[in-house]
């Protein structure tokens, strides 16, 4: 087929060459038009993506704001932990007080018994 086209171009003279060049020009123009349409579609998609995307500055500003809030909450938690007591420490302290109260109670009973003996 290509050999046939080339033989027609060689034998056809300038009219055949002009017709072939016009054909190529129209084909090229059609492809160029399709290419420009595709480029427009891609540009529209890209603009849509840009609208949906958040800029790096906005993102880092938001993230840094979150970090500040998290650091503030962590500081509050640490401050509350200073004032809190674990269960083990609480029960250990209470058990020590119970023993001291029991000793004091025993001593008061001894003193009371001695007072009763002295009164008799």
C-alpha atoms as a PDB file:
ATOM      1  CA  UNK A   1       0.000   0.000   0.000  1.00  0.00           C
ATOM      2  CA  UNK A   2       2.768   2.422   0.919  1.00  0.00           C
ATOM      3  CA  UNK A   3       4.566   1.522  -2.296  1.00  0.00           C
ATOM      4  CA  UNK A   4       1.378   2.322  -4.184  1.00  0.00           C
ATOM      5  CA  UNK A   5       1.069   5.737  -2.560  1.00  0.00           C
ATOM      6  CA  UNK A   6       4.694   6.565  -3.310  1.00  0.00           C
ATOM      7  CA  UNK A   7       4.344   5.487  -6.942  1.00  0.00           C
ATOM      8  CA  UNK A   8       1.228   7.670  -7.330  1.00  0.00           C
ATOM      9  CA  UNK A   9       3.088  10.614  -5.796  1.00  0.00           C
ATOM     10  CA  UNK A  10       6.051  10.158  -8.115  1.00  0.00           C
ATOM     11  CA  UNK A  11       3.949   9.675 -11.244  1.00  0.00           C
ATOM     12  CA  UNK A  12       1.130  12.084 -10.310  1.00  0.00           C
ATOM     13  CA  UNK A  13       3.154  15.259 -10.442  1.00  0.00           C
ATOM     14  CA  UNK A  14       2.646  18.416  -8.449  1.00  0.00           C
ATOM     15  CA  UNK A  15      -1.178  18.014  -8.163  1.00  0.00           C
ATOM     16  CA  UNK A  16      -0.810  14.640  -6.432  1.00  0.00           C
ATOM     17  CA  UNK A  17       1.916  16.011  -4.166  1.00  0.00           C
ATOM     18  CA  UNK A  18      -0.230  19.031  -3.287  1.00  0.00           C
ATOM     19  CA  UNK A  19      -3.225  16.784  -2.518  1.00  0.00           C
ATOM     20  CA  UNK A  20      -1.043  14.529  -0.337  1.00  0.00           C
ATOM     21  CA  UNK A  21       0.418  17.504   1.529  1.00  0.00           C
ATOM     22  CA  UNK A  22      -3.071  18.921   2.060  1.00  0.00           C
ATOM     23  CA  UNK A  23      -4.181  15.524   3.398  1.00  0.00           C
ATOM     24  CA  UNK A  24      -1.200  15.435   5.792  1.00  0.00           C
ATOM     25  CA  UNK A  25      -1.859  19.016   6.865  1.00  0.00           C
ATOM     26  CA  UNK A  26      -5.539  18.286   7.650  1.00  0.00           C
ATOM     27  CA  UNK A  27      -4.572  15.100   9.503  1.00  0.00           C
ATOM     28  CA  UNK A  28      -1.949  17.012  11.481  1.00  0.00           C
ATOM     29  CA  UNK A  29      -4.439  19.787  12.256  1.00  0.00           C
ATOM     30  CA  UNK A  30      -6.994  17.237  13.511  1.00  0.00           C
ATOM     31  CA  UNK A  31      -4.416  15.583  15.771  1.00  0.00           C
ATOM     32  CA  UNK A  32      -3.280  18.973  17.041  1.00  0.00           C
ATOM     33  CA  UNK A  33      -6.887  19.868  17.850  1.00  0.00           C
ATOM     34  CA  UNK A  34      -7.360  16.571  19.721  1.00  0.00           C
ATOM     35  CA  UNK A  35      -4.119  17.215  21.577  1.00  0.00           C
ATOM     36  CA  UNK A  36      -5.234  20.721  22.604  1.00  0.00           C
ATOM     37  CA  UNK A  37      -8.596  19.349  23.794  1.00  0.00           C
ATOM     38  CA  UNK A  38      -6.804  16.721  25.887  1.00  0.00           C
ATOM     39  CA  UNK A  39      -4.528  19.407  27.327  1.00  0.00           C
ATOM     40  CA  UNK A  40      -7.570  21.501  28.313  1.00  0.00           C
ATOM     41  CA  UNK A  41      -9.118  18.500  30.036  1.00  0.00           C
ATOM     42  CA  UNK A  42      -5.892  17.834  31.905  1.00  0.00           C
ATOM     43  CA  UNK A  43      -5.623  21.476  32.939  1.00  0.00           C
ATOM     44  CA  UNK A  44      -9.193  21.382  34.271  1.00  0.00           C
ATOM     45  CA  UNK A  45      -8.417  18.235  36.258  1.00  0.00           C
ATOM     46  CA  UNK A  46      -5.248  19.825  37.576  1.00  0.00           C
ATOM     47  CA  UNK A  47      -7.159  22.951  38.650  1.00  0.00           C
ATOM     48  CA  UNK A  48      -9.655  20.708  40.432  1.00  0.00           C
ATOM     49  CA  UNK A  49      -6.836  18.975  42.263  1.00  0.00           C
ATOM     50  CA  UNK A  50      -5.343  22.333  43.239  1.00  0.00           C
ATOM     51  CA  UNK A  51      -8.695  23.443  44.632  1.00  0.00           C
ATOM     52  CA  UNK A  52      -8.989  20.246  46.673  1.00  0.00           C
ATOM     53  CA  UNK A  53      -5.438  20.287  47.921  1.00  0.00           C
ATOM     54  CA  UNK A  54      -4.340  22.206  50.966  1.00  0.00           C
ATOM     55  CA  UNK A  55      -1.180  24.220  50.715  1.00  0.00           C
ATOM     56  CA  UNK A  56       1.831  23.068  52.710  1.00  0.00           C
ATOM     57  CA  UNK A  57       1.758  26.248  54.778  1.00  0.00           C
ATOM     58  CA  UNK A  58      -1.876  25.689  55.769  1.00  0.00           C
ATOM     59  CA  UNK A  59      -1.198  22.029  56.572  1.00  0.00           C
ATOM     60  CA  UNK A  60       1.845  22.760  58.720  1.00  0.00           C
ATOM     61  CA  UNK A  61       0.013  25.628  60.401  1.00  0.00           C
ATOM     62  CA  UNK A  62      -2.816  23.253  61.320  1.00  0.00           C
ATOM     63  CA  UNK A  63      -0.409  20.551  62.453  1.00  0.00           C
ATOM     64  CA  UNK A  64       1.603  23.007  64.544  1.00  0.00           C
ATOM     65  CA  UNK A  65      -1.655  24.193  66.116  1.00  0.00           C
ATOM     66  CA  UNK A  66      -2.488  20.602  66.994  1.00  0.00           C
ATOM     67  CA  UNK A  67       0.984  20.112  68.431  1.00  0.00           C
ATOM     68  CA  UNK A  68       0.536  23.177  70.614  1.00  0.00           C
ATOM     69  CA  UNK A  69      -2.791  21.875  71.897  1.00  0.00           C
ATOM     70  CA  UNK A  70      -1.334  18.408  72.507  1.00  0.00           C
ATOM     71  CA  UNK A  71       1.597  19.894  74.404  1.00  0.00           C
ATOM     72  CA  UNK A  72      -0.839  21.921  76.500  1.00  0.00           C
ATOM     73  CA  UNK A  73      -2.878  18.799  77.307  1.00  0.00           C
ATOM     74  CA  UNK A  74       0.269  16.853  78.137  1.00  0.00           C
ATOM     75  CA  UNK A  75       1.346  19.626  80.513  1.00  0.00           C
ATOM     76  CA  UNK A  76      -2.088  19.554  82.205  1.00  0.00           C
ATOM     77  CA  UNK A  77      -1.914  15.773  82.565  1.00  0.00           C
ATOM     78  CA  UNK A  78       1.578  15.966  84.039  1.00  0.00           C
ATOM     79  CA  UNK A  79       0.411  18.645  86.475  1.00  0.00           C
ATOM     80  CA  UNK A  80      -2.524  16.476  87.542  1.00  0.00           C
ATOM     81  CA  UNK A  81      -0.201  13.501  87.969  1.00  0.00           C
ATOM     82  CA  UNK A  82       1.832  15.527  90.456  1.00  0.00           C
ATOM     83  CA  UNK A  83      -1.259  15.816  92.655  1.00  0.00           C
ATOM     84  CA  UNK A  84      -2.468  12.266  92.191  1.00  0.00           C
ATOM     85  CA  UNK A  85      -1.411   9.234  94.192  1.00  0.00           C
ATOM     86  CA  UNK A  86      -1.255   5.682  92.935  1.00  0.00           C
ATOM     87  CA  UNK A  87      -3.495   3.085  94.579  1.00  0.00           C
ATOM     88  CA  UNK A  88      -0.514   1.180  95.961  1.00  0.00           C
ATOM     89  CA  UNK A  89       0.901   4.281  97.625  1.00  0.00           C
ATOM     90  CA  UNK A  90      -2.529   5.217  98.974  1.00  0.00           C
ATOM     91  CA  UNK A  91      -3.136   1.783 100.491  1.00  0.00           C
ATOM     92  CA  UNK A  92       0.427   1.634 101.825  1.00  0.00           C
ATOM     93  CA  UNK A  93      -0.027   4.997 103.553  1.00  0.00           C
ATOM     94  CA  UNK A  94      -3.433   3.990 104.928  1.00  0.00           C
ATOM     95  CA  UNK A  95      -2.113   0.714 106.264  1.00  0.00           C
ATOM     96  CA  UNK A  96       0.657   2.597 108.077  1.00  0.00           C
ATOM     97  CA  UNK A  97      -1.873   4.946 109.633  1.00  0.00           C
ATOM     98  CA  UNK A  98      -4.041   2.055 110.683  1.00  0.00           C
ATOM     99  CA  UNK A  99      -1.131   0.471 112.506  1.00  0.00           C
ATOM    100  CA  UNK A 100      -0.295   3.769 114.217  1.00  0.00           C
ATOM    101  CA  UNK A 101      -3.938   4.307 115.182  1.00  0.00           C
ATOM    102  CA  UNK A 102      -4.103   0.758 116.531  1.00  0.00           C
ATOM    103  CA  UNK A 103      -0.966   1.356 118.655  1.00  0.00           C
ATOM    104  CA  UNK A 104      -2.382   4.637 119.939  1.00  0.00           C
ATOM    105  CA  UNK A 105      -5.661   2.921 120.749  1.00  0.00           C
ATOM    106  CA  UNK A 106      -3.802   0.186 122.655  1.00  0.00           C
ATOM    107  CA  UNK A 107      -1.834   2.794 124.601  1.00  0.00           C
ATOM    108  CA  UNK A 108      -5.023   4.706 125.431  1.00  0.00           C
ATOM    109  CA  UNK A 109      -6.643   1.490 126.664  1.00  0.00           C
ATOM    110  CA  UNK A 110      -3.634   0.817 128.897  1.00  0.00           C
ATOM    111  CA  UNK A 111      -3.782   4.350 130.268  1.00  0.00           C
ATOM    112  CA  UNK A 112      -7.530   4.005 130.851  1.00  0.00           C
ATOM    113  CA  UNK A 113      -7.043   0.663 132.630  1.00  0.00           C
ATOM    114  CA  UNK A 114      -4.335   2.194 134.838  1.00  0.00           C
ATOM    115  CA  UNK A 115      -6.649   5.075 135.664  1.00  0.00           C
ATOM    116  CA  UNK A 116      -9.338   2.605 136.667  1.00  0.00           C
ATOM    117  CA  UNK A 117      -6.873   0.726 138.885  1.00  0.00           C
ATOM    118  CA  UNK A 118      -5.721   3.946 140.479  1.00  0.00           C
ATOM    119  CA  UNK A 119      -9.284   4.959 141.240  1.00  0.00           C
ATOM    120  CA  UNK A 120     -10.037   1.725 143.063  1.00  0.00           C
END
